[in-house]
């Protein structure tokens, strides 16, 4: 099984287990500056509808976590 397939399988499992929680995701521009904040559930809906890929959703969530980490240090 490819690494991406394993990652996506874990991602889907995480979303199913945590569907009752809604986490803020900071949407960043090319310079990694915060543009706006959206809910993870909204991004999940966009991925389900095909408006964004699951890979893009994961990238946005990862960038958001990095942004939050940088704000702490």
N, C-alpha and C. Protein backbone atom coordinates (compact mmCIF):
# COMPACT_ATOMS: atom_id res chain seq x y z
N UNK A 1 0.86 -1.18 0.00
CA UNK A 1 0.00 0.00 0.00
C UNK A 1 0.90 1.24 0.00
N UNK A 2 0.58 2.21 -0.83
CA UNK A 2 1.41 3.41 -0.90
C UNK A 2 1.27 4.24 0.38
N UNK A 3 2.28 5.07 0.61
CA UNK A 3 2.25 5.91 1.80
C UNK A 3 1.06 6.85 1.80
N UNK A 4 0.76 7.44 0.63
CA UNK A 4 -0.37 8.38 0.55
C UNK A 4 -1.68 7.66 0.84
N UNK A 5 -1.82 6.43 0.35
CA UNK A 5 -3.05 5.68 0.60
C UNK A 5 -3.20 5.40 2.10
N UNK A 6 -2.10 5.07 2.77
CA UNK A 6 -2.15 4.85 4.22
C UNK A 6 -2.50 6.14 4.96
N UNK A 7 -1.91 7.24 4.52
CA UNK A 7 -2.21 8.53 5.16
C UNK A 7 -3.68 8.87 4.99
N UNK A 8 -4.20 8.70 3.77
CA UNK A 8 -5.60 9.03 3.51
C UNK A 8 -6.54 8.10 4.28
N UNK A 9 -6.17 6.84 4.42
CA UNK A 9 -6.98 5.90 5.20
C UNK A 9 -7.05 6.35 6.65
N UNK A 10 -5.91 6.74 7.20
CA UNK A 10 -5.88 7.26 8.57
C UNK A 10 -6.67 8.54 8.71
N UNK A 11 -6.56 9.40 7.70
CA UNK A 11 -7.28 10.67 7.70
C UNK A 11 -8.78 10.44 7.73
N UNK A 12 -9.27 9.55 6.88
CA UNK A 12 -10.71 9.25 6.85
C UNK A 12 -11.18 8.69 8.19
N UNK A 13 -10.37 7.81 8.76
CA UNK A 13 -10.71 7.26 10.07
C UNK A 13 -10.78 8.34 11.13
N UNK A 14 -9.82 9.27 11.09
CA UNK A 14 -9.82 10.37 12.05
C UNK A 14 -11.09 11.20 11.90
N UNK A 15 -11.44 11.52 10.66
CA UNK A 15 -12.63 12.34 10.43
C UNK A 15 -13.89 11.64 10.92
N UNK A 16 -13.97 10.34 10.70
CA UNK A 16 -15.15 9.60 11.15
C UNK A 16 -15.24 9.57 12.67
N UNK A 17 -14.10 9.41 13.34
CA UNK A 17 -14.09 9.36 14.80
C UNK A 17 -14.35 10.72 15.41
N UNK A 18 -13.98 11.78 14.72
CA UNK A 18 -14.06 13.12 15.30
C UNK A 18 -15.10 14.00 14.61
N UNK A 19 -16.12 13.40 14.04
CA UNK A 19 -17.09 14.19 13.32
C UNK A 19 -17.95 15.06 14.23
N UNK A 20 -17.93 14.83 15.53
CA UNK A 20 -18.72 15.65 16.44
C UNK A 20 -17.95 16.90 16.88
N UNK A 21 -16.67 16.98 16.53
CA UNK A 21 -15.84 18.12 16.88
C UNK A 21 -15.64 18.98 15.64
N UNK A 22 -15.53 20.26 15.85
CA UNK A 22 -15.26 21.15 14.73
C UNK A 22 -14.08 22.03 15.10
N UNK A 23 -13.03 21.89 14.35
CA UNK A 23 -11.78 22.57 14.65
C UNK A 23 -11.58 23.75 13.71
N UNK A 24 -11.05 24.86 14.24
CA UNK A 24 -10.75 25.99 13.35
C UNK A 24 -9.52 25.69 12.50
N UNK A 25 -9.58 26.08 11.25
CA UNK A 25 -8.44 25.94 10.34
C UNK A 25 -8.15 27.33 9.79
N UNK A 26 -6.91 27.79 9.97
CA UNK A 26 -6.50 29.09 9.46
C UNK A 26 -6.10 28.94 8.00
N UNK A 27 -6.78 29.69 7.14
CA UNK A 27 -6.47 29.66 5.71
C UNK A 27 -5.38 30.70 5.47
N UNK A 28 -4.27 30.25 4.89
CA UNK A 28 -3.11 31.12 4.70
C UNK A 28 -2.91 31.43 3.22
N UNK A 29 -2.28 32.58 2.95
CA UNK A 29 -1.94 32.91 1.58
C UNK A 29 -0.55 32.36 1.25
N UNK A 30 -0.03 32.71 0.08
CA UNK A 30 1.26 32.19 -0.36
C UNK A 30 2.41 32.56 0.58
N UNK A 31 2.28 33.69 1.26
CA UNK A 31 3.33 34.15 2.19
C UNK A 31 3.14 33.60 3.59
N UNK A 32 2.21 32.66 3.74
CA UNK A 32 1.89 32.04 5.02
C UNK A 32 1.29 33.03 6.01
N UNK A 33 0.63 34.07 5.50
CA UNK A 33 -0.09 35.03 6.33
C UNK A 33 -1.54 34.56 6.44
N UNK A 34 -2.12 34.72 7.63
CA UNK A 34 -3.50 34.30 7.84
C UNK A 34 -4.45 35.18 7.06
N UNK A 35 -5.34 34.56 6.31
CA UNK A 35 -6.33 35.28 5.53
C UNK A 35 -7.69 35.22 6.22
N UNK A 36 -8.07 34.01 6.64
CA UNK A 36 -9.34 33.82 7.34
C UNK A 36 -9.29 32.50 8.09
N UNK A 37 -10.31 32.25 8.88
CA UNK A 37 -10.44 30.99 9.61
C UNK A 37 -11.76 30.34 9.21
N UNK A 38 -11.69 29.05 8.90
CA UNK A 38 -12.89 28.28 8.57
C UNK A 38 -12.91 27.03 9.45
N UNK A 39 -14.06 26.39 9.53
CA UNK A 39 -14.17 25.17 10.31
C UNK A 39 -13.71 23.97 9.49
N UNK A 40 -13.14 23.01 10.17
CA UNK A 40 -12.70 21.79 9.51
C UNK A 40 -13.88 21.10 8.82
N UNK A 41 -15.05 21.15 9.43
CA UNK A 41 -16.22 20.50 8.83
C UNK A 41 -16.58 21.14 7.49
N UNK A 42 -16.37 22.44 7.37
CA UNK A 42 -16.63 23.13 6.10
C UNK A 42 -15.66 22.64 5.03
N UNK A 43 -14.39 22.52 5.40
CA UNK A 43 -13.40 22.02 4.45
C UNK A 43 -13.70 20.57 4.07
N UNK A 44 -14.16 19.79 5.04
CA UNK A 44 -14.51 18.40 4.76
C UNK A 44 -15.66 18.35 3.75
N UNK A 45 -16.66 19.20 3.92
CA UNK A 45 -17.77 19.27 2.97
C UNK A 45 -17.28 19.64 1.58
N UNK A 46 -16.35 20.60 1.51
CA UNK A 46 -15.79 21.00 0.22
C UNK A 46 -15.07 19.83 -0.44
N UNK A 47 -14.37 19.04 0.34
CA UNK A 47 -13.68 17.88 -0.21
C UNK A 47 -14.67 16.82 -0.68
N UNK A 48 -15.72 16.62 0.09
CA UNK A 48 -16.75 15.65 -0.27
C UNK A 48 -17.43 16.05 -1.58
N UNK A 49 -17.65 17.35 -1.77
CA UNK A 49 -18.30 17.85 -2.98
C UNK A 49 -17.32 17.96 -4.16
N UNK A 50 -16.05 17.73 -3.90
CA UNK A 50 -15.06 17.81 -4.97
C UNK A 50 -14.56 19.21 -5.25
N UNK A 51 -14.87 20.17 -4.36
CA UNK A 51 -14.41 21.54 -4.55
C UNK A 51 -12.93 21.67 -4.26
N UNK A 52 -12.43 20.85 -3.34
CA UNK A 52 -11.00 20.75 -3.07
C UNK A 52 -10.68 19.26 -2.93
N UNK A 53 -9.42 18.91 -3.11
CA UNK A 53 -9.03 17.51 -2.92
C UNK A 53 -8.78 17.25 -1.44
N UNK A 54 -8.80 15.99 -1.06
CA UNK A 54 -8.48 15.64 0.32
C UNK A 54 -7.03 15.99 0.62
N UNK A 55 -6.17 15.88 -0.38
CA UNK A 55 -4.77 16.25 -0.19
C UNK A 55 -4.65 17.75 0.11
N UNK A 56 -5.44 18.59 -0.60
CA UNK A 56 -5.43 20.03 -0.35
C UNK A 56 -5.96 20.31 1.04
N UNK A 57 -7.01 19.62 1.46
CA UNK A 57 -7.56 19.79 2.79
C UNK A 57 -6.49 19.49 3.84
N UNK A 58 -5.78 18.40 3.66
CA UNK A 58 -4.72 18.04 4.61
C UNK A 58 -3.61 19.07 4.62
N UNK A 59 -3.25 19.57 3.44
CA UNK A 59 -2.20 20.60 3.34
C UNK A 59 -2.62 21.86 4.09
N UNK A 60 -3.88 22.26 3.90
CA UNK A 60 -4.39 23.46 4.58
C UNK A 60 -4.39 23.27 6.09
N UNK A 61 -4.79 22.08 6.55
CA UNK A 61 -4.84 21.81 7.98
C UNK A 61 -3.42 21.79 8.56
N UNK A 62 -2.49 21.19 7.84
CA UNK A 62 -1.10 21.15 8.29
C UNK A 62 -0.53 22.57 8.35
N UNK A 63 -0.75 23.38 7.31
CA UNK A 63 -0.27 24.76 7.31
C UNK A 63 -0.87 25.55 8.47
N UNK A 64 -2.14 25.29 8.77
CA UNK A 64 -2.80 25.95 9.89
C UNK A 64 -2.13 25.59 11.22
N UNK A 65 -1.81 24.31 11.39
CA UNK A 65 -1.15 23.86 12.62
C UNK A 65 0.23 24.50 12.73
N UNK A 66 0.96 24.57 11.62
CA UNK A 66 2.27 25.23 11.63
C UNK A 66 2.14 26.70 11.99
N UNK A 67 1.12 27.35 11.44
CA UNK A 67 0.87 28.75 11.74
C UNK A 67 0.61 28.94 13.24
N UNK A 68 -0.24 28.09 13.80
CA UNK A 68 -0.52 28.19 15.24
C UNK A 68 0.73 27.95 16.07
N UNK A 69 1.54 26.99 15.67
CA UNK A 69 2.78 26.69 16.39
C UNK A 69 3.71 27.91 16.36
N UNK A 70 3.84 28.53 15.20
CA UNK A 70 4.71 29.70 15.07
C UNK A 70 4.22 30.86 15.94
N UNK A 71 2.91 30.95 16.15
CA UNK A 71 2.37 32.01 17.00
C UNK A 71 2.73 31.77 18.47
N UNK A 72 2.96 30.49 18.82
CA UNK A 72 3.29 30.17 20.20
C UNK A 72 4.76 30.42 20.54
N UNK A 73 5.63 30.26 19.55
CA UNK A 73 7.06 30.39 19.84
C UNK A 73 7.63 31.74 19.48
